[in-house]
């Protein structure tokens, strides 16, 4: 909410578990 121009970016989802990291596109 109340988005600002400085919020402009590619937003990526992350899932983390011990020893592994997964990323969306």
PDBML (XML) file of the C-alpha atoms, coordinates in Angstrom:
<?xml version="1.0" encoding="UTF-8" ?>
<PDBx:datablock datablockName="MODEL"
   xmlns:PDBx="http://pdbml.pdb.org/schema/pdbx-v50.xsd"
   xmlns:xsi="http://www.w3.org/2001/XMLSchema-instance"
   xsi:schemaLocation="http://pdbml.pdb.org/schema/pdbx-v50.xsd pdbx-v50.xsd">
   <PDBx:atom_siteCategory>
      <PDBx:atom_site id="1">
         <PDBx:B_iso_or_equiv>0.00</PDBx:B_iso_or_equiv>
         <PDBx:Cartn_x>0.000</PDBx:Cartn_x>
         <PDBx:Cartn_y>0.000</PDBx:Cartn_y>
         <PDBx:Cartn_z>0.000</PDBx:Cartn_z>
         <PDBx:auth_asym_id>A</PDBx:auth_asym_id>
         <PDBx:auth_atom_id>CA</PDBx:auth_atom_id>
         <PDBx:auth_comp_id>UNK</PDBx:auth_comp_id>
         <PDBx:auth_seq_id>1</PDBx:auth_seq_id>
         <PDBx:group_PDB>ATOM</PDBx:group_PDB>
         <PDBx:label_alt_id xsi:nil="true" />
         <PDBx:label_asym_id>A</PDBx:label_asym_id>
         <PDBx:label_atom_id>CA</PDBx:label_atom_id>
         <PDBx:label_comp_id>UNK</PDBx:label_comp_id>
         <PDBx:label_entity_id>1</PDBx:label_entity_id>
         <PDBx:label_seq_id>1</PDBx:label_seq_id>
         <PDBx:occupancy>1.00</PDBx:occupancy>
         <PDBx:pdbx_PDB_model_num>1</PDBx:pdbx_PDB_model_num>
         <PDBx:type_symbol>C</PDBx:type_symbol>
      </PDBx:atom_site>
      <PDBx:atom_site id="2">
         <PDBx:B_iso_or_equiv>0.00</PDBx:B_iso_or_equiv>
         <PDBx:Cartn_x>0.962</PDBx:Cartn_x>
         <PDBx:Cartn_y>3.651</PDBx:Cartn_y>
         <PDBx:Cartn_z>-0.390</PDBx:Cartn_z>
         <PDBx:auth_asym_id>A</PDBx:auth_asym_id>
         <PDBx:auth_atom_id>CA</PDBx:auth_atom_id>
         <PDBx:auth_comp_id>UNK</PDBx:auth_comp_id>
         <PDBx:auth_seq_id>2</PDBx:auth_seq_id>
         <PDBx:group_PDB>ATOM</PDBx:group_PDB>
         <PDBx:label_alt_id xsi:nil="true" />
         <PDBx:label_asym_id>A</PDBx:label_asym_id>
         <PDBx:label_atom_id>CA</PDBx:label_atom_id>
         <PDBx:label_comp_id>UNK</PDBx:label_comp_id>
         <PDBx:label_entity_id>1</PDBx:label_entity_id>
         <PDBx:label_seq_id>2</PDBx:label_seq_id>
         <PDBx:occupancy>1.00</PDBx:occupancy>
         <PDBx:pdbx_PDB_model_num>1</PDBx:pdbx_PDB_model_num>
         <PDBx:type_symbol>C</PDBx:type_symbol>
      </PDBx:atom_site>
      <PDBx:atom_site id="3">
         <PDBx:B_iso_or_equiv>0.00</PDBx:B_iso_or_equiv>
         <PDBx:Cartn_x>3.487</PDBx:Cartn_x>
         <PDBx:Cartn_y>2.726</PDBx:Cartn_y>
         <PDBx:Cartn_z>-3.050</PDBx:Cartn_z>
         <PDBx:auth_asym_id>A</PDBx:auth_asym_id>
         <PDBx:auth_atom_id>CA</PDBx:auth_atom_id>
         <PDBx:auth_comp_id>UNK</PDBx:auth_comp_id>
         <PDBx:auth_seq_id>3</PDBx:auth_seq_id>
         <PDBx:group_PDB>ATOM</PDBx:group_PDB>
         <PDBx:label_alt_id xsi:nil="true" />
         <PDBx:label_asym_id>A</PDBx:label_asym_id>
         <PDBx:label_atom_id>CA</PDBx:label_atom_id>
         <PDBx:label_comp_id>UNK</PDBx:label_comp_id>
         <PDBx:label_entity_id>1</PDBx:label_entity_id>
         <PDBx:label_seq_id>3</PDBx:label_seq_id>
         <PDBx:occupancy>1.00</PDBx:occupancy>
         <PDBx:pdbx_PDB_model_num>1</PDBx:pdbx_PDB_model_num>
         <PDBx:type_symbol>C</PDBx:type_symbol>
      </PDBx:atom_site>
      <PDBx:atom_site id="4">
         <PDBx:B_iso_or_equiv>0.00</PDBx:B_iso_or_equiv>
         <PDBx:Cartn_x>6.307</PDBx:Cartn_x>
         <PDBx:Cartn_y>5.144</PDBx:Cartn_y>
         <PDBx:Cartn_z>-3.812</PDBx:Cartn_z>
         <PDBx:auth_asym_id>A</PDBx:auth_asym_id>
         <PDBx:auth_atom_id>CA</PDBx:auth_atom_id>
         <PDBx:auth_comp_id>UNK</PDBx:auth_comp_id>
         <PDBx:auth_seq_id>4</PDBx:auth_seq_id>
         <PDBx:group_PDB>ATOM</PDBx:group_PDB>
         <PDBx:label_alt_id xsi:nil="true" />
         <PDBx:label_asym_id>A</PDBx:label_asym_id>
         <PDBx:label_atom_id>CA</PDBx:label_atom_id>
         <PDBx:label_comp_id>UNK</PDBx:label_comp_id>
         <PDBx:label_entity_id>1</PDBx:label_entity_id>
         <PDBx:label_seq_id>4</PDBx:label_seq_id>
         <PDBx:occupancy>1.00</PDBx:occupancy>
         <PDBx:pdbx_PDB_model_num>1</PDBx:pdbx_PDB_model_num>
         <PDBx:type_symbol>C</PDBx:type_symbol>
      </PDBx:atom_site>
      <PDBx:atom_site id="5">
         <PDBx:B_iso_or_equiv>0.00</PDBx:B_iso_or_equiv>
         <PDBx:Cartn_x>8.477</PDBx:Cartn_x>
         <PDBx:Cartn_y>5.552</PDBx:Cartn_y>
         <PDBx:Cartn_z>-6.917</PDBx:Cartn_z>
         <PDBx:auth_asym_id>A</PDBx:auth_asym_id>
         <PDBx:auth_atom_id>CA</PDBx:auth_atom_id>
         <PDBx:auth_comp_id>UNK</PDBx:auth_comp_id>
         <PDBx:auth_seq_id>5</PDBx:auth_seq_id>
         <PDBx:group_PDB>ATOM</PDBx:group_PDB>
         <PDBx:label_alt_id xsi:nil="true" />
         <PDBx:label_asym_id>A</PDBx:label_asym_id>
         <PDBx:label_atom_id>CA</PDBx:label_atom_id>
         <PDBx:label_comp_id>UNK</PDBx:label_comp_id>
         <PDBx:label_entity_id>1</PDBx:label_entity_id>
         <PDBx:label_seq_id>5</PDBx:label_seq_id>
         <PDBx:occupancy>1.00</PDBx:occupancy>
         <PDBx:pdbx_PDB_model_num>1</PDBx:pdbx_PDB_model_num>
         <PDBx:type_symbol>C</PDBx:type_symbol>
      </PDBx:atom_site>
      <PDBx:atom_site id="6">
         <PDBx:B_iso_or_equiv>0.00</PDBx:B_iso_or_equiv>
         <PDBx:Cartn_x>11.409</PDBx:Cartn_x>
         <PDBx:Cartn_y>4.142</PDBx:Cartn_y>
         <PDBx:Cartn_z>-4.945</PDBx:Cartn_z>
         <PDBx:auth_asym_id>A</PDBx:auth_asym_id>
         <PDBx:auth_atom_id>CA</PDBx:auth_atom_id>
         <PDBx:auth_comp_id>UNK</PDBx:auth_comp_id>
         <PDBx:auth_seq_id>6</PDBx:auth_seq_id>
         <PDBx:group_PDB>ATOM</PDBx:group_PDB>
         <PDBx:label_alt_id xsi:nil="true" />
         <PDBx:label_asym_id>A</PDBx:label_asym_id>
         <PDBx:label_atom_id>CA</PDBx:label_atom_id>
         <PDBx:label_comp_id>UNK</PDBx:label_comp_id>
         <PDBx:label_entity_id>1</PDBx:label_entity_id>
         <PDBx:label_seq_id>6</PDBx:label_seq_id>
         <PDBx:occupancy>1.00</PDBx:occupancy>
         <PDBx:pdbx_PDB_model_num>1</PDBx:pdbx_PDB_model_num>
         <PDBx:type_symbol>C</PDBx:type_symbol>
      </PDBx:atom_site>
      <PDBx:atom_site id="7">
         <PDBx:B_iso_or_equiv>0.00</PDBx:B_iso_or_equiv>
         <PDBx:Cartn_x>9.501</PDBx:Cartn_x>
         <PDBx:Cartn_y>0.870</PDBx:Cartn_y>
         <PDBx:Cartn_z>-4.594</PDBx:Cartn_z>
         <PDBx:auth_asym_id>A</PDBx:auth_asym_id>
         <PDBx:auth_atom_id>CA</PDBx:auth_atom_id>
         <PDBx:auth_comp_id>UNK</PDBx:auth_comp_id>
         <PDBx:auth_seq_id>7</PDBx:auth_seq_id>
         <PDBx:group_PDB>ATOM</PDBx:group_PDB>
         <PDBx:label_alt_id xsi:nil="true" />
         <PDBx:label_asym_id>A</PDBx:label_asym_id>
         <PDBx:label_atom_id>CA</PDBx:label_atom_id>
         <PDBx:label_comp_id>UNK</PDBx:label_comp_id>
         <PDBx:label_entity_id>1</PDBx:label_entity_id>
         <PDBx:label_seq_id>7</PDBx:label_seq_id>
         <PDBx:occupancy>1.00</PDBx:occupancy>
         <PDBx:pdbx_PDB_model_num>1</PDBx:pdbx_PDB_model_num>
         <PDBx:type_symbol>C</PDBx:type_symbol>
      </PDBx:atom_site>
      <PDBx:atom_site id="8">
         <PDBx:B_iso_or_equiv>0.00</PDBx:B_iso_or_equiv>
         <PDBx:Cartn_x>10.005</PDBx:Cartn_x>
         <PDBx:Cartn_y>0.286</PDBx:Cartn_y>
         <PDBx:Cartn_z>-8.331</PDBx:Cartn_z>
         <PDBx:auth_asym_id>A</PDBx:auth_asym_id>
         <PDBx:auth_atom_id>CA</PDBx:auth_atom_id>
         <PDBx:auth_comp_id>UNK</PDBx:auth_comp_id>
         <PDBx:auth_seq_id>8</PDBx:auth_seq_id>
         <PDBx:group_PDB>ATOM</PDBx:group_PDB>
         <PDBx:label_alt_id xsi:nil="true" />
         <PDBx:label_asym_id>A</PDBx:label_asym_id>
         <PDBx:label_atom_id>CA</PDBx:label_atom_id>
         <PDBx:label_comp_id>UNK</PDBx:label_comp_id>
         <PDBx:label_entity_id>1</PDBx:label_entity_id>
         <PDBx:label_seq_id>8</PDBx:label_seq_id>
         <PDBx:occupancy>1.00</PDBx:occupancy>
         <PDBx:pdbx_PDB_model_num>1</PDBx:pdbx_PDB_model_num>
         <PDBx:type_symbol>C</PDBx:type_symbol>
      </PDBx:atom_site>
      <PDBx:atom_site id="9">
         <PDBx:B_iso_or_equiv>0.00</PDBx:B_iso_or_equiv>
         <PDBx:Cartn_x>11.884</PDBx:Cartn_x>
         <PDBx:Cartn_y>-2.994</PDBx:Cartn_y>
         <PDBx:Cartn_z>-8.765</PDBx:Cartn_z>
         <PDBx:auth_asym_id>A</PDBx:auth_asym_id>
         <PDBx:auth_atom_id>CA</PDBx:auth_atom_id>
         <PDBx:auth_comp_id>UNK</PDBx:auth_comp_id>
         <PDBx:auth_seq_id>9</PDBx:auth_seq_id>
         <PDBx:group_PDB>ATOM</PDBx:group_PDB>
         <PDBx:label_alt_id xsi:nil="true" />
         <PDBx:label_asym_id>A</PDBx:label_asym_id>
         <PDBx:label_atom_id>CA</PDBx:label_atom_id>
         <PDBx:label_comp_id>UNK</PDBx:label_comp_id>
         <PDBx:label_entity_id>1</PDBx:label_entity_id>
         <PDBx:label_seq_id>9</PDBx:label_seq_id>
         <PDBx:occupancy>1.00</PDBx:occupancy>
         <PDBx:pdbx_PDB_model_num>1</PDBx:pdbx_PDB_model_num>
         <PDBx:type_symbol>C</PDBx:type_symbol>
      </PDBx:atom_site>
      <PDBx:atom_site id="10">
         <PDBx:B_iso_or_equiv>0.00</PDBx:B_iso_or_equiv>
         <PDBx:Cartn_x>11.627</PDBx:Cartn_x>
         <PDBx:Cartn_y>-6.620</PDBx:Cartn_y>
         <PDBx:Cartn_z>-9.735</PDBx:Cartn_z>
         <PDBx:auth_asym_id>A</PDBx:auth_asym_id>
         <PDBx:auth_atom_id>CA</PDBx:auth_atom_id>
         <PDBx:auth_comp_id>UNK</PDBx:auth_comp_id>
         <PDBx:auth_seq_id>10</PDBx:auth_seq_id>
         <PDBx:group_PDB>ATOM</PDBx:group_PDB>
         <PDBx:label_alt_id xsi:nil="true" />
         <PDBx:label_asym_id>A</PDBx:label_asym_id>
         <PDBx:label_atom_id>CA</PDBx:label_atom_id>
         <PDBx:label_comp_id>UNK</PDBx:label_comp_id>
         <PDBx:label_entity_id>1</PDBx:label_entity_id>
         <PDBx:label_seq_id>10</PDBx:label_seq_id>
         <PDBx:occupancy>1.00</PDBx:occupancy>
         <PDBx:pdbx_PDB_model_num>1</PDBx:pdbx_PDB_model_num>
         <PDBx:type_symbol>C</PDBx:type_symbol>
      </PDBx:atom_site>
      <PDBx:atom_site id="11">
         <PDBx:B_iso_or_equiv>0.00</PDBx:B_iso_or_equiv>
         <PDBx:Cartn_x>10.108</PDBx:Cartn_x>
         <PDBx:Cartn_y>-8.446</PDBx:Cartn_y>
         <PDBx:Cartn_z>-6.782</PDBx:Cartn_z>
         <PDBx:auth_asym_id>A</PDBx:auth_asym_id>
         <PDBx:auth_atom_id>CA</PDBx:auth_atom_id>
         <PDBx:auth_comp_id>UNK</PDBx:auth_comp_id>
         <PDBx:auth_seq_id>11</PDBx:auth_seq_id>
         <PDBx:group_PDB>ATOM</PDBx:group_PDB>
         <PDBx:label_alt_id xsi:nil="true" />
         <PDBx:label_asym_id>A</PDBx:label_asym_id>
         <PDBx:label_atom_id>CA</PDBx:label_atom_id>
         <PDBx:label_comp_id>UNK</PDBx:label_comp_id>
         <PDBx:label_entity_id>1</PDBx:label_entity_id>
         <PDBx:label_seq_id>11</PDBx:label_seq_id>
         <PDBx:occupancy>1.00</PDBx:occupancy>
         <PDBx:pdbx_PDB_model_num>1</PDBx:pdbx_PDB_model_num>
         <PDBx:type_symbol>C</PDBx:type_symbol>
      </PDBx:atom_site>
      <PDBx:atom_site id="12">
         <PDBx:B_iso_or_equiv>0.00</PDBx:B_iso_or_equiv>
         <PDBx:Cartn_x>11.296</PDBx:Cartn_x>
         <PDBx:Cartn_y>-11.989</PDBx:Cartn_y>
         <PDBx:Cartn_z>-6.211</PDBx:Cartn_z>
         <PDBx:auth_asym_id>A</PDBx:auth_asym_id>
         <PDBx:auth_atom_id>CA</PDBx:auth_atom_id>
         <PDBx:auth_comp_id>UNK</PDBx:auth_comp_id>
         <PDBx:auth_seq_id>12</PDBx:auth_seq_id>
         <PDBx:group_PDB>ATOM</PDBx:group_PDB>
         <PDBx:label_alt_id xsi:nil="true" />
         <PDBx:label_asym_id>A</PDBx:label_asym_id>
         <PDBx:label_atom_id>CA</PDBx:label_atom_id>
         <PDBx:label_comp_id>UNK</PDBx:label_comp_id>
         <PDBx:label_entity_id>1</PDBx:label_entity_id>
         <PDBx:label_seq_id>12</PDBx:label_seq_id>
         <PDBx:occupancy>1.00</PDBx:occupancy>
         <PDBx:pdbx_PDB_model_num>1</PDBx:pdbx_PDB_model_num>
         <PDBx:type_symbol>C</PDBx:type_symbol>
      </PDBx:atom_site>
      <PDBx:atom_site id="13">
         <PDBx:B_iso_or_equiv>0.00</PDBx:B_iso_or_equiv>
         <PDBx:Cartn_x>9.893</PDBx:Cartn_x>
         <PDBx:Cartn_y>-14.718</PDBx:Cartn_y>
         <PDBx:Cartn_z>-4.041</PDBx:Cartn_z>
         <PDBx:auth_asym_id>A</PDBx:auth_asym_id>
         <PDBx:auth_atom_id>CA</PDBx:auth_atom_id>
         <PDBx:auth_comp_id>UNK</PDBx:auth_comp_id>
         <PDBx:auth_seq_id>13</PDBx:auth_seq_id>
         <PDBx:group_PDB>ATOM</PDBx:group_PDB>
         <PDBx:label_alt_id xsi:nil="true" />
         <PDBx:label_asym_id>A</PDBx:label_asym_id>
         <PDBx:label_atom_id>CA</PDBx:label_atom_id>
         <PDBx:label_comp_id>UNK</PDBx:label_comp_id>
         <PDBx:label_entity_id>1</PDBx:label_entity_id>
         <PDBx:label_seq_id>13</PDBx:label_seq_id>
         <PDBx:occupancy>1.00</PDBx:occupancy>
         <PDBx:pdbx_PDB_model_num>1</PDBx:pdbx_PDB_model_num>
         <PDBx:type_symbol>C</PDBx:type_symbol>
      </PDBx:atom_site>
      <PDBx:atom_site id="14">
         <PDBx:B_iso_or_equiv>0.00</PDBx:B_iso_or_equiv>
         <PDBx:Cartn_x>12.283</PDBx:Cartn_x>
         <PDBx:Cartn_y>-16.771</PDBx:Cartn_y>
         <PDBx:Cartn_z>-1.922</PDBx:Cartn_z>
         <PDBx:auth_asym_id>A</PDBx:auth_asym_id>
         <PDBx:auth_atom_id>CA</PDBx:auth_atom_id>
         <PDBx:auth_comp_id>UNK</PDBx:auth_comp_id>
         <PDBx:auth_seq_id>14</PDBx:auth_seq_id>
         <PDBx:group_PDB>ATOM</PDBx:group_PDB>
         <PDBx:label_alt_id xsi:nil="true" />
         <PDBx:label_asym_id>A</PDBx:label_asym_id>
         <PDBx:label_atom_id>CA</PDBx:label_atom_id>
         <PDBx:label_comp_id>UNK</PDBx:label_comp_id>
         <PDBx:label_entity_id>1</PDBx:label_entity_id>
         <PDBx:label_seq_id>14</PDBx:label_seq_id>
         <PDBx:occupancy>1.00</PDBx:occupancy>
         <PDBx:pdbx_PDB_model_num>1</PDBx:pdbx_PDB_model_num>
         <PDBx:type_symbol>C</PDBx:type_symbol>
      </PDBx:atom_site>
      <PDBx:atom_site id="15">
         <PDBx:B_iso_or_equiv>0.00</PDBx:B_iso_or_equiv>
         <PDBx:Cartn_x>11.901</PDBx:Cartn_x>
         <PDBx:Cartn_y>-20.058</PDBx:Cartn_y>
         <PDBx:Cartn_z>-0.093</PDBx:Cartn_z>
         <PDBx:auth_asym_id>A</PDBx:auth_asym_id>
         <PDBx:auth_atom_id>CA</PDBx:auth_atom_id>
         <PDBx:auth_comp_id>UNK</PDBx:auth_comp_id>
         <PDBx:auth_seq_id>15</PDBx:auth_seq_id>
         <PDBx:group_PDB>ATOM</PDBx:group_PDB>
         <PDBx:label_alt_id xsi:nil="true" />
         <PDBx:label_asym_id>A</PDBx:label_asym_id>
         <PDBx:label_atom_id>CA</PDBx:label_atom_id>
         <PDBx:label_comp_id>UNK</PDBx:label_comp_id>
         <PDBx:label_entity_id>1</PDBx:label_entity_id>
         <PDBx:label_seq_id>15</PDBx:label_seq_id>
         <PDBx:occupancy>1.00</PDBx:occupancy>
         <PDBx:pdbx_PDB_model_num>1</PDBx:pdbx_PDB_model_num>
         <PDBx:type_symbol>C</PDBx:type_symbol>
      </PDBx:atom_site>
      <PDBx:atom_site id="16">
         <PDBx:B_iso_or_equiv>0.00</PDBx:B_iso_or_equiv>
         <PDBx:Cartn_x>14.652</PDBx:Cartn_x>
         <PDBx:Cartn_y>-20.978</PDBx:Cartn_y>
         <PDBx:Cartn_z>2.326</PDBx:Cartn_z>
         <PDBx:auth_asym_id>A</PDBx:auth_asym_id>
         <PDBx:auth_atom_id>CA</PDBx:auth_atom_id>
         <PDBx:auth_comp_id>UNK</PDBx:auth_comp_id>
         <PDBx:auth_seq_id>16</PDBx:auth_seq_id>
         <PDBx:group_PDB>ATOM</PDBx:group_PDB>
         <PDBx:label_alt_id xsi:nil="true" />
         <PDBx:label_asym_id>A</PDBx:label_asym_id>
         <PDBx:label_atom_id>CA</PDBx:label_atom_id>
         <PDBx:label_comp_id>UNK</PDBx:label_comp_id>
         <PDBx:label_entity_id>1</PDBx:label_entity_id>
         <PDBx:label_seq_id>16</PDBx:label_seq_id>
         <PDBx:occupancy>1.00</PDBx:occupancy>
         <PDBx:pdbx_PDB_model_num>1</PDBx:pdbx_PDB_model_num>
         <PDBx:type_symbol>C</PDBx:type_symbol>
      </PDBx:atom_site>
      <PDBx:atom_site id="17">
         <PDBx:B_iso_or_equiv>0.00</PDBx:B_iso_or_equiv>
         <PDBx:Cartn_x>15.403</PDBx:Cartn_x>
         <PDBx:Cartn_y>-24.153</PDBx:Cartn_y>
         <PDBx:Cartn_z>4.180</PDBx:Cartn_z>
         <PDBx:auth_asym_id>A</PDBx:auth_asym_id>
         <PDBx:auth_atom_id>CA</PDBx:auth_atom_id>
         <PDBx:auth_comp_id>UNK</PDBx:auth_comp_id>
         <PDBx:auth_seq_id>17</PDBx:auth_seq_id>
         <PDBx:group_PDB>ATOM</PDBx:group_PDB>
         <PDBx:label_alt_id xsi:nil="true" />
         <PDBx:label_asym_id>A</PDBx:label_asym_id>
         <PDBx:label_atom_id>CA</PDBx:label_atom_id>
         <PDBx:label_comp_id>UNK</PDBx:label_comp_id>
         <PDBx:label_entity_id>1</PDBx:label_entity_id>
         <PDBx:label_seq_id>17</PDBx:label_seq_id>
         <PDBx:occupancy>1.00</PDBx:occupancy>
         <PDBx:pdbx_PDB_model_num>1</PDBx:pdbx_PDB_model_num>
         <PDBx:type_symbol>C</PDBx:type_symbol>
      </PDBx:atom_site>
      <PDBx:atom_site id="18">
         <PDBx:B_iso_or_equiv>0.00</PDBx:B_iso_or_equiv>
         <PDBx:Cartn_x>18.590</PDBx:Cartn_x>
         <PDBx:Cartn_y>-25.446</PDBx:Cartn_y>
         <PDBx:Cartn_z>5.762</PDBx:Cartn_z>
         <PDBx:auth_asym_id>A</PDBx:auth_asym_id>
         <PDBx:auth_atom_id>CA</PDBx:auth_atom_id>
         <PDBx:auth_comp_id>UNK</PDBx:auth_comp_id>
         <PDBx:auth_seq_id>18</PDBx:auth_seq_id>
         <PDBx:group_PDB>ATOM</PDBx:group_PDB>
         <PDBx:label_alt_id xsi:nil="true" />
         <PDBx:label_asym_id>A</PDBx:label_asym_id>
         <PDBx:label_atom_id>CA</PDBx:label_atom_id>
         <PDBx:label_comp_id>UNK</PDBx:label_comp_id>
         <PDBx:label_entity_id>1</PDBx:label_entity_id>
         <PDBx:label_seq_id>18</PDBx:label_seq_id>
         <PDBx:occupancy>1.00</PDBx:occupancy>
         <PDBx:pdbx_PDB_model_num>1</PDBx:pdbx_PDB_model_num>
         <PDBx:type_symbol>C</PDBx:type_symbol>
      </PDBx:atom_site>
      <PDBx:atom_site id="19">
         <PDBx:B_iso_or_equiv>0.00</PDBx:B_iso_or_equiv>
         <PDBx:Cartn_x>21.220</PDBx:Cartn_x>
         <PDBx:Cartn_y>-25.580</PDBx:Cartn_y>
         <PDBx:Cartn_z>3.045</PDBx:Cartn_z>
         <PDBx:auth_asym_id>A</PDBx:auth_asym_id>
         <PDBx:auth_atom_id>CA</PDBx:auth_atom_id>
         <PDBx:auth_comp_id>UNK</PDBx:auth_comp_id>
         <PDBx:auth_seq_id>19</PDBx:auth_seq_id>
         <PDBx:group_PDB>ATOM</PDBx:group_PDB>
         <PDBx:label_alt_id xsi:nil="true" />
         <PDBx:label_asym_id>A</PDBx:label_asym_id>
         <PDBx:label_atom_id>CA</PDBx:label_atom_id>
         <PDBx:label_comp_id>UNK</PDBx:label_comp_id>
         <PDBx:label_entity_id>1</PDBx:label_entity_id>
         <PDBx:label_seq_id>19</PDBx:label_seq_id>
         <PDBx:occupancy>1.00</PDBx:occupancy>
         <PDBx:pdbx_PDB_model_num>1</PDBx:pdbx_PDB_model_num>
         <PDBx:type_symbol>C</PDBx:type_symbol>
      </PDBx:atom_site>
      <PDBx:atom_site id="20">
         <PDBx:B_iso_or_equiv>0.00</PDBx:B_iso_or_equiv>
         <PDBx:Cartn_x>18.936</PDBx:Cartn_x>
         <PDBx:Cartn_y>-24.509</PDBx:Cartn_y>
         <PDBx:Cartn_z>0.188</PDBx:Cartn_z>
         <PDBx:auth_asym_id>A</PDBx:auth_asym_id>
         <PDBx:auth_atom_id>CA</PDBx:auth_atom_id>
         <PDBx:auth_comp_id>UNK</PDBx:auth_comp_id>
         <PDBx:auth_seq_id>20</PDBx:auth_seq_id>
         <PDBx:group_PDB>ATOM</PDBx:group_PDB>
         <PDBx:label_alt_id xsi:nil="true" />
         <PDBx:label_asym_id>A</PDBx:label_asym_id>
         <PDBx:label_atom_id>CA</PDBx:label_atom_id>
         <PDBx:label_comp_id>UNK</PDBx:label_comp_id>
         <PDBx:label_entity_id>1</PDBx:label_entity_id>
         <PDBx:label_seq_id>20</PDBx:label_seq_id>
         <PDBx:occupancy>1.00</PDBx:occupancy>
         <PDBx:pdbx_PDB_model_num>1</PDBx:pdbx_PDB_model_num>
         <PDBx:type_symbol>C</PDBx:type_symbol>
      </PDBx:atom_site>
      <PDBx:atom_site id="21">
         <PDBx:B_iso_or_equiv>0.00</PDBx:B_iso_or_equiv>
         <PDBx:Cartn_x>17.518</PDBx:Cartn_x>
         <PDBx:Cartn_y>-21.339</PDBx:Cartn_y>
         <PDBx:Cartn_z>-1.296</PDBx:Cartn_z>
         <PDBx:auth_asym_id>A</PDBx:auth_asym_id>
         <PDBx:auth_atom_id>CA</PDBx:auth_atom_id>
         <PDBx:auth_comp_id>UNK</PDBx:auth_comp_id>
         <PDBx:auth_seq_id>21</PDBx:auth_seq_id>
         <PDBx:group_PDB>ATOM</PDBx:group_PDB>
         <PDBx:label_alt_id xsi:nil="true" />
         <PDBx:label_asym_id>A</PDBx:label_asym_id>
         <PDBx:label_atom_id>CA</PDBx:label_atom_id>
         <PDBx:label_comp_id>UNK</PDBx:label_comp_id>
         <PDBx:label_entity_id>1</PDBx:label_entity_id>
         <PDBx:label_seq_id>21</PDBx:label_seq_id>
         <PDBx:occupancy>1.00</PDBx:occupancy>
         <PDBx:pdbx_PDB_model_num>1</PDBx:pdbx_PDB_model_num>
         <PDBx:type_symbol>C</PDBx:type_symbol>
      </PDBx:atom_site>
      <PDBx:atom_site id="22">
         <PDBx:B_iso_or_equiv>0.00</PDBx:B_iso_or_equiv>
         <PDBx:Cartn_x>14.894</PDBx:Cartn_x>
         <PDBx:Cartn_y>-21.241</PDBx:Cartn_y>
         <PDBx:Cartn_z>-4.027</PDBx:Cartn_z>
         <PDBx:auth_asym_id>A</PDBx:auth_asym_id>
         <PDBx:auth_atom_id>CA</PDBx:auth_atom_id>
         <PDBx:auth_comp_id>UNK</PDBx:auth_comp_id>
         <PDBx:auth_seq_id>22</PDBx:auth_seq_id>
         <PDBx:group_PDB>ATOM</PDBx:group_PDB>
         <PDBx:label_alt_id xsi:nil="true" />
         <PDBx:label_asym_id>A</PDBx:label_asym_id>
         <PDBx:label_atom_id>CA</PDBx:label_atom_id>
         <PDBx:label_comp_id>UNK</PDBx:label_comp_id>
         <PDBx:label_entity_id>1</PDBx:label_entity_id>
         <PDBx:label_seq_id>22</PDBx:label_seq_id>
         <PDBx:occupancy>1.00</PDBx:occupancy>
         <PDBx:pdbx_PDB_model_num>1</PDBx:pdbx_PDB_model_num>
         <PDBx:type_symbol>C</PDBx:type_symbol>
      </PDBx:atom_site>
      <PDBx:atom_site id="23">
         <PDBx:B_iso_or_equiv>0.00</PDBx:B_iso_or_equiv>
         <PDBx:Cartn_x>13.921</PDBx:Cartn_x>
         <PDBx:Cartn_y>-18.238</PDBx:Cartn_y>
         <PDBx:Cartn_z>-6.140</PDBx:Cartn_z>
         <PDBx:auth_asym_id>A</PDBx:auth_asym_id>
         <PDBx:auth_atom_id>CA</PDBx:auth_atom_id>
         <PDBx:auth_comp_id>UNK</PDBx:auth_comp_id>
         <PDBx:auth_seq_id>23</PDBx:auth_seq_id>
         <PDBx:group_PDB>ATOM</PDBx:group_PDB>
         <PDBx:label_alt_id xsi:nil="true" />
         <PDBx:label_asym_id>A</PDBx:label_asym_id>
         <PDBx:label_atom_id>CA</PDBx:label_atom_id>
         <PDBx:label_comp_id>UNK</PDBx:label_comp_id>
         <PDBx:label_entity_id>1</PDBx:label_entity_id>
         <PDBx:label_seq_id>23</PDBx:label_seq_id>
         <PDBx:occupancy>1.00</PDBx:occupancy>
         <PDBx:pdbx_PDB_model_num>1</PDBx:pdbx_PDB_model_num>
         <PDBx:type_symbol>C</PDBx:type_symbol>
      </PDBx:atom_site>
      <PDBx:atom_site id="24">
         <PDBx:B_iso_or_equiv>0.00</PDBx:B_iso_or_equiv>
         <PDBx:Cartn_x>11.125</PDBx:Cartn_x>
         <PDBx:Cartn_y>-17.356</PDBx:Cartn_y>
         <PDBx:Cartn_z>-8.464</PDBx:Cartn_z>
         <PDBx:auth_asym_id>A</PDBx:auth_asym_id>
         <PDBx:auth_atom_id>CA</PDBx:auth_atom_id>
         <PDBx:auth_comp_id>UNK</PDBx:auth_comp_id>
         <PDBx:auth_seq_id>24</PDBx:auth_seq_id>
         <PDBx:group_PDB>ATOM</PDBx:group_PDB>
         <PDBx:label_alt_id xsi:nil="true" />
         <PDBx:label_asym_id>A</PDBx:label_asym_id>
         <PDBx:label_atom_id>CA</PDBx:label_atom_id>
         <PDBx:label_comp_id>UNK</PDBx:label_comp_id>
         <PDBx:label_entity_id>1</PDBx:label_entity_id>
         <PDBx:label_seq_id>24</PDBx:label_seq_id>
         <PDBx:occupancy>1.00</PDBx:occupancy>
         <PDBx:pdbx_PDB_model_num>1</PDBx:pdbx_PDB_model_num>
         <PDBx:type_symbol>C</PDBx:type_symbol>
      </PDBx:atom_site>
      <PDBx:atom_site id="25">
         <PDBx:B_iso_or_equiv>0.00</PDBx:B_iso_or_equiv>
         <PDBx:Cartn_x>11.570</PDBx:Cartn_x>
         <PDBx:Cartn_y>-15.526</PDBx:Cartn_y>
         <PDBx:Cartn_z>-11.761</PDBx:Cartn_z>
         <PDBx:auth_asym_id>A</PDBx:auth_asym_id>
         <PDBx:auth_atom_id>CA</PDBx:auth_atom_id>
         <PDBx:auth_comp_id>UNK</PDBx:auth_comp_id>
         <PDBx:auth_seq_id>25</PDBx:auth_seq_id>
         <PDBx:group_PDB>ATOM</PDBx:group_PDB>
         <PDBx:label_alt_id xsi:nil="true" />
         <PDBx:label_asym_id>A</PDBx:label_asym_id>
         <PDBx:label_atom_id>CA</PDBx:label_atom_id>
         <PDBx:label_comp_id>UNK</PDBx:label_comp_id>
         <PDBx:label_entity_id>1</PDBx:label_entity_id>
         <PDBx:label_seq_id>25</PDBx:label_seq_id>
         <PDBx:occupancy>1.00</PDBx:occupancy>
         <PDBx:pdbx_PDB_model_num>1</PDBx:pdbx_PDB_model_num>
         <PDBx:type_symbol>C</PDBx:type_symbol>
      </PDBx:atom_site>
   </PDBx:atom_siteCategory>
</PDBx:datablock>
